[in-house]
Amino acid sequence: MHFFKKWENDPIIQNYFSFKGRINRKYFFFYSLQWALLLIALYYVDELLSRSPSPISEILILIPTILICIIIALSNLSLATRRLHDMGYQAAPILCLIYGLSFLSPALDSFFHANKAIIHAVSLFNTGCSLYLLFGRGDKGPNKYGEPK
């Protein structure tokens, strides 16, 4: 527990991994853009390094890639939570719906033989949610999640 207390007030942890408080549209956009650019760079590095036919090199590429993707997913969850807080919404039910649909859509698509229609519908829904987070107005003044940032 002492380890986590040490990092609790670290600016990187506060900016990228905190689930408390609020963030405005500009903050959400620029932090999301940073992660998107990192993912694009990671994709190209992964493509370059995976051309080696060795199974060991594939594993050495896969493990850091998975870890980086988990870190990015947690940070994006934090950003979305604080953005929803800025709009006055409780984040847990909304994010459970979004992430739940995302994880279940391949299974539902296969079960209903929908020829990827469900996957496309969920992708459109997620795009709409992302656009709402990006362009939706936050509450003016303080709300139950704190002062605007």
Protein backbone atom coordinates (compact mmCIF):
# COMPACT_ATOMS: atom_id res chain seq x y z
CA MET A 1 0.00 0.00 0.00
CA HIS A 2 2.91 2.33 0.70
CA PHE A 3 4.01 2.02 -2.94
CA PHE A 4 0.72 3.47 -4.19
CA LYS A 5 0.77 6.31 -1.64
CA LYS A 6 4.17 7.33 -2.99
CA TRP A 7 2.74 7.80 -6.51
CA GLU A 8 -0.63 9.23 -5.50
CA ASN A 9 0.35 12.89 -6.04
CA ASP A 10 2.56 12.32 -9.08
CA PRO A 11 1.50 14.70 -11.91
CA ILE A 12 1.53 11.93 -14.52
CA ILE A 13 -0.74 9.76 -12.39
CA GLN A 14 -3.02 12.75 -11.72
CA ASN A 15 -3.24 13.69 -15.40
CA TYR A 16 -3.54 10.28 -16.99
CA PHE A 17 -4.84 7.81 -14.42
CA SER A 18 -7.00 9.69 -11.92
CA PHE A 19 -10.71 8.90 -11.89
CA LYS A 20 -11.60 11.88 -9.69
CA GLY A 21 -12.60 15.33 -10.79
CA ARG A 22 -13.43 16.81 -14.16
CA ILE A 23 -11.73 17.68 -17.44
CA ASN A 24 -12.93 19.99 -20.19
CA ARG A 25 -13.20 19.27 -23.92
CA LYS A 26 -9.80 20.72 -24.82
CA TYR A 27 -8.00 18.71 -22.15
CA PHE A 28 -9.85 15.55 -23.25
CA PHE A 29 -8.99 16.17 -26.91
CA PHE A 30 -5.28 16.76 -26.42
CA TYR A 31 -4.72 13.86 -24.04
CA SER A 32 -6.72 11.54 -26.31
CA LEU A 33 -4.73 12.78 -29.29
CA GLN A 34 -1.46 11.97 -27.51
CA TRP A 35 -2.60 8.40 -26.92
CA ALA A 36 -3.86 8.05 -30.50
CA LEU A 37 -0.51 9.20 -31.89
CA LEU A 38 1.30 6.79 -29.58
CA LEU A 39 -0.91 3.93 -30.80
CA ILE A 40 -0.22 4.82 -34.43
CA ALA A 41 3.53 4.89 -33.76
CA LEU A 42 3.27 1.61 -31.85
CA TYR A 43 1.42 0.03 -34.78
CA TYR A 44 4.19 0.99 -37.22
CA VAL A 45 6.96 -0.16 -34.88
CA ASP A 46 5.09 -3.42 -34.38
CA GLU A 47 4.73 -3.85 -38.16
CA LEU A 48 8.44 -3.22 -38.74
CA LEU A 49 9.61 -5.54 -35.99
CA SER A 50 7.14 -8.33 -36.72
CA ARG A 51 8.61 -8.95 -40.17
CA SER A 52 11.20 -11.15 -38.51
CA PRO A 53 10.14 -14.81 -38.83
CA SER A 54 11.44 -15.77 -35.39
CA PRO A 55 8.74 -16.80 -32.85
CA ILE A 56 10.88 -15.38 -30.04
CA SER A 57 10.94 -11.95 -31.65
CA GLU A 58 7.15 -12.09 -32.02
CA ILE A 59 6.77 -12.75 -28.30
CA LEU A 60 9.25 -9.99 -27.46
CA ILE A 61 7.11 -7.61 -29.52
CA LEU A 62 3.75 -8.89 -28.29
CA ILE A 63 4.35 -8.55 -24.54
CA PRO A 64 5.31 -4.83 -24.51
CA THR A 65 2.57 -4.10 -27.04
CA ILE A 66 -0.07 -5.67 -24.80
CA LEU A 67 1.25 -3.82 -21.74
CA ILE A 68 1.23 -0.48 -23.56
CA CYS A 69 -2.31 -1.12 -24.83
CA ILE A 70 -3.49 -1.90 -21.29
CA ILE A 71 -1.92 1.34 -20.01
CA ILE A 72 -3.58 3.31 -22.81
CA ALA A 73 -6.95 1.65 -22.17
CA LEU A 74 -6.79 2.52 -18.45
CA SER A 75 -5.83 6.09 -19.22
CA ASN A 76 -8.64 6.44 -21.77
CA LEU A 77 -11.07 5.05 -19.21
CA SER A 78 -9.83 7.70 -16.76
CA LEU A 79 -10.20 10.48 -19.33
CA ALA A 80 -13.72 9.37 -20.31
CA THR A 81 -14.74 9.12 -16.65
CA ARG A 82 -13.58 12.65 -15.86
CA ARG A 83 -15.15 13.99 -19.06
CA LEU A 84 -18.49 12.43 -18.10
CA HIS A 85 -18.08 13.94 -14.63
CA ASP A 86 -17.62 17.33 -16.29
CA MET A 87 -21.00 16.85 -17.96
CA GLY A 88 -22.58 15.92 -14.64
CA TYR A 89 -22.98 12.20 -15.38
CA GLN A 90 -22.04 9.25 -13.24
CA ALA A 91 -19.49 7.43 -15.40
CA ALA A 92 -19.76 3.81 -14.25
CA PRO A 93 -23.09 2.80 -15.88
CA ILE A 94 -22.33 4.56 -19.16
CA LEU A 95 -18.82 3.14 -19.47
CA CYS A 96 -20.03 -0.35 -18.52
CA LEU A 97 -22.52 -0.16 -21.40
CA ILE A 98 -19.93 1.10 -23.89
CA TYR A 99 -17.16 -1.33 -22.94
CA GLY A 100 -19.60 -4.20 -22.42
CA LEU A 101 -21.02 -3.79 -25.91
CA SER A 102 -17.53 -3.55 -27.34
CA PHE A 103 -16.41 -6.81 -25.75
CA LEU A 104 -19.65 -8.68 -26.46
CA SER A 105 -20.22 -7.53 -30.04
CA PRO A 106 -18.03 -10.21 -31.72
CA ALA A 107 -19.79 -12.98 -29.79
CA LEU A 108 -23.25 -11.54 -30.49
CA ASP A 109 -22.40 -11.08 -34.15
CA SER A 110 -21.27 -14.69 -34.42
CA PHE A 111 -24.28 -16.01 -32.46
CA PHE A 112 -26.82 -14.18 -34.62
CA HIS A 113 -24.90 -14.80 -37.88
CA ALA A 114 -25.11 -11.07 -38.49
CA ASN A 115 -22.18 -10.89 -40.93
CA LYS A 116 -20.45 -8.19 -38.82
CA ALA A 117 -23.55 -5.97 -38.73
CA ILE A 118 -23.54 -5.92 -34.91
CA ILE A 119 -19.83 -5.10 -34.82
CA HIS A 120 -20.41 -2.19 -37.22
CA ALA A 121 -23.41 -0.96 -35.23
CA VAL A 122 -21.42 -1.04 -31.98
CA SER A 123 -18.54 0.78 -33.70
CA LEU A 124 -20.94 3.51 -34.83
CA PHE A 125 -22.38 3.73 -31.31
CA ASN A 126 -18.87 4.04 -29.82
CA THR A 127 -17.96 6.69 -32.38
CA GLY A 128 -21.07 8.64 -31.42
CA CYS A 129 -20.18 8.36 -27.73
CA SER A 130 -16.63 9.56 -28.43
CA LEU A 131 -17.92 12.53 -30.42
CA TYR A 132 -20.32 13.38 -27.60
CA LEU A 133 -17.45 13.31 -25.10
CA LEU A 134 -15.40 15.51 -27.41
CA PHE A 135 -18.04 18.09 -28.33
CA GLY A 136 -20.63 17.92 -25.51
CA ARG A 137 -20.76 20.89 -23.17
CA GLY A 138 -19.69 20.44 -19.59
CA ASP A 139 -21.51 21.89 -16.61
CA LYS A 140 -20.73 25.55 -16.01
CA GLY A 141 -19.45 26.10 -12.53
CA PRO A 142 -18.93 23.44 -9.89
CA ASN A 143 -20.94 20.22 -9.83
CA LYS A 144 -20.87 17.21 -7.50
CA TYR A 145 -17.55 16.12 -9.07
CA GLY A 146 -15.74 19.36 -8.35
CA GLU A 147 -14.66 22.56 -10.04
CA PRO A 148 -14.25 22.71 -13.81
CA LYS A 149 -10.70 22.28 -15.10
